[in-house]
Amino acid sequence: MTAVFVRLLFIVSALWADDYPHDAKAGLISPGSAFIIYYDGQGPLNFDTLTPGSLPADARPFGSVQGRSCQYGVSIPFNISYPIVRSPSISSVWGNSSLKKIINAMTNDHPGLKGIYDAQIDKHTIQVLGIFTRLCIEVTAKGFR
């Protein structure tokens, strides 16, 4: 029952996001089938970052910092698909590529980092034969102490 709700949530969010005037689309792997056996993926929707003009008065430049985290998905088809009709499959998605995890990792890797500004967020997807998918979120930003 939970899988059906998750699938419905993806359909509704995809329809809403396509009509929304901004580029706010979730960085989540779509399970791609009605038969989801496991889904534990986390990813960003959007992120508000500081600008150089909005930094705290006591902020000192730290330099450039980078972080990356990934989600993974597997989808195994039941049978060979016809050219027009997509075959049903069993799918699973796991991994945490949320911005919270990436920023926490940045602060752990760089002691003294208080925050970031001028962040650039990139999404990289690799798919192998429609069976395996890896979606990574990479954040590059300037840090401050």
Protein backbone atom coordinates (compact mmCIF):
# COMPACT_ATOMS: atom_id res chain seq x y z
CA MET A 1 0.00 0.00 0.00
CA THR A 2 2.88 2.35 0.79
CA ALA A 3 4.40 1.71 -2.64
CA VAL A 4 1.14 2.72 -4.32
CA PHE A 5 1.06 5.95 -2.29
CA VAL A 6 4.70 6.72 -3.18
CA ARG A 7 3.96 6.10 -6.88
CA LEU A 8 0.88 8.35 -6.72
CA LEU A 9 2.95 11.01 -4.99
CA PHE A 10 5.53 10.86 -7.83
CA ILE A 11 2.82 11.19 -10.48
CA VAL A 12 1.18 14.16 -8.75
CA SER A 13 4.50 15.89 -8.07
CA ALA A 14 5.66 15.32 -11.67
CA LEU A 15 2.47 16.84 -13.05
CA TRP A 16 2.69 19.79 -10.68
CA ALA A 17 6.41 20.37 -11.30
CA ASP A 18 5.98 20.44 -15.09
CA ASP A 19 3.45 23.26 -14.82
CA TYR A 20 5.31 25.15 -12.10
CA PRO A 21 7.05 28.24 -13.52
CA HIS A 22 10.39 27.52 -11.77
CA ASP A 23 12.91 24.74 -12.20
CA ALA A 24 11.90 23.18 -8.87
CA LYS A 25 12.01 19.44 -9.52
CA ALA A 26 13.01 16.97 -6.88
CA GLY A 27 16.38 15.30 -7.18
CA LEU A 28 14.95 11.84 -6.60
CA ILE A 29 15.19 8.68 -8.67
CA SER A 30 11.82 7.71 -10.05
CA PRO A 31 11.16 4.04 -9.34
CA GLY A 32 9.86 3.57 -12.89
CA SER A 33 7.41 0.77 -12.14
CA ALA A 34 4.24 -0.05 -10.27
CA PHE A 35 5.97 -2.87 -8.34
CA ILE A 36 8.23 -1.14 -5.83
CA ILE A 37 9.75 -3.51 -3.30
CA TYR A 38 11.89 -0.93 -1.47
CA TYR A 39 12.15 2.87 -1.60
CA ASP A 40 14.40 4.78 0.78
CA GLY A 41 15.75 7.65 -1.29
CA GLN A 42 16.28 11.21 -0.13
CA GLY A 43 17.19 14.14 -2.30
CA PRO A 44 16.91 17.91 -2.59
CA LEU A 45 14.03 19.94 -3.98
CA ASN A 46 15.64 23.36 -3.80
CA PHE A 47 18.12 25.25 -1.64
CA ASP A 48 18.35 28.90 -0.60
CA THR A 49 21.94 29.96 -0.09
CA LEU A 50 23.61 33.11 1.13
CA THR A 51 25.09 35.67 -1.25
CA PRO A 52 28.30 37.61 -0.63
CA GLY A 53 26.20 40.63 0.42
CA SER A 54 24.19 38.67 2.99
CA LEU A 55 27.12 37.14 4.89
CA PRO A 56 27.42 37.79 8.63
CA ALA A 57 29.58 40.79 9.53
CA ASP A 58 32.24 38.63 11.20
CA ALA A 59 32.52 36.14 8.29
CA ARG A 60 36.00 35.44 6.93
CA PRO A 61 36.54 33.69 3.58
CA PHE A 62 37.36 30.00 3.81
CA GLY A 63 37.81 29.09 0.15
CA SER A 64 36.03 26.69 -2.17
CA VAL A 65 34.38 23.57 -0.72
CA GLN A 66 32.78 20.59 -2.43
CA GLY A 67 30.45 17.78 -1.43
CA ARG A 68 28.72 14.91 -3.17
CA SER A 69 26.23 12.19 -2.33
CA CYS A 70 24.30 9.62 -4.40
CA GLN A 71 21.13 7.57 -4.69
CA TYR A 72 20.95 4.20 -6.43
CA GLY A 73 18.12 2.37 -8.16
CA VAL A 74 17.60 -1.06 -9.68
CA SER A 75 14.70 -2.01 -11.95
CA ILE A 76 14.37 -5.60 -13.17
CA PRO A 77 11.84 -6.17 -15.99
CA PHE A 78 9.46 -9.13 -15.95
CA ASN A 79 9.60 -9.78 -19.68
CA ILE A 80 10.91 -8.33 -22.93
CA SER A 81 9.09 -5.11 -23.77
CA TYR A 82 7.41 -4.39 -27.04
CA PRO A 83 8.53 -1.31 -28.99
CA ILE A 84 5.63 0.84 -27.73
CA VAL A 85 4.57 -0.73 -24.44
CA ARG A 86 6.92 -0.67 -21.46
CA SER A 87 7.10 -3.98 -19.62
CA PRO A 88 6.35 -4.15 -15.90
CA SER A 89 9.31 -4.40 -13.57
CA ILE A 90 10.29 -4.77 -9.95
CA SER A 91 12.24 -1.79 -8.66
CA SER A 92 14.13 -0.60 -5.65
CA VAL A 93 15.72 2.76 -4.75
CA TRP A 94 18.05 3.62 -1.86
CA GLY A 95 20.50 6.33 -0.86
CA ASN A 96 20.59 9.80 0.63
CA SER A 97 21.68 12.67 -1.58
CA SER A 98 19.99 15.36 0.48
CA LEU A 99 21.65 18.74 0.81
CA LYS A 100 21.61 18.38 4.59
CA LYS A 101 23.84 15.29 4.35
CA ILE A 102 26.19 16.97 1.85
CA ILE A 103 26.56 20.16 3.93
CA ASN A 104 27.11 18.14 7.13
CA ALA A 105 29.86 16.21 5.31
CA MET A 106 31.43 19.49 4.16
CA THR A 107 31.56 20.85 7.72
CA ASN A 108 33.03 17.54 8.99
CA ASP A 109 35.70 17.55 6.24
CA HIS A 110 36.64 21.21 6.81
CA PRO A 111 36.93 22.08 10.51
CA GLY A 112 36.13 25.73 11.15
CA LEU A 113 33.63 26.03 8.28
CA LYS A 114 30.59 27.96 9.56
CA GLY A 115 28.60 28.15 6.35
CA ILE A 116 28.54 28.35 2.57
CA TYR A 117 27.49 30.90 -0.03
CA ASP A 118 27.35 31.17 -3.82
CA ALA A 119 26.47 27.47 -4.03
CA GLN A 120 26.21 25.66 -7.34
CA ILE A 121 24.24 22.40 -7.29
CA ASP A 122 24.70 19.87 -10.09
CA LYS A 123 22.81 16.65 -10.70
CA HIS A 124 24.61 13.77 -12.45
CA THR A 125 22.71 10.68 -13.59
CA ILE A 126 24.16 7.45 -14.94
CA GLN A 127 21.86 4.74 -16.24
CA VAL A 128 22.96 1.30 -17.44
CA LEU A 129 20.52 -0.48 -19.78
CA GLY A 130 17.55 0.90 -17.85
CA ILE A 131 18.32 -1.58 -15.06
CA PHE A 132 20.75 0.34 -12.83
CA THR A 133 20.58 4.07 -12.09
CA ARG A 134 22.89 6.28 -10.05
CA LEU A 135 21.85 9.88 -9.36
CA CYS A 136 24.44 12.06 -7.61
CA ILE A 137 24.04 15.58 -6.27
CA GLU A 138 27.24 17.63 -6.21
CA VAL A 139 27.54 20.95 -4.38
CA THR A 140 30.38 23.41 -5.03
CA ALA A 141 30.35 26.58 -2.94
CA LYS A 142 32.48 29.22 -1.27
CA GLY A 143 32.84 28.78 2.46
CA PHE A 144 33.24 31.18 5.35
CA ARG A 145 34.57 30.96 8.90
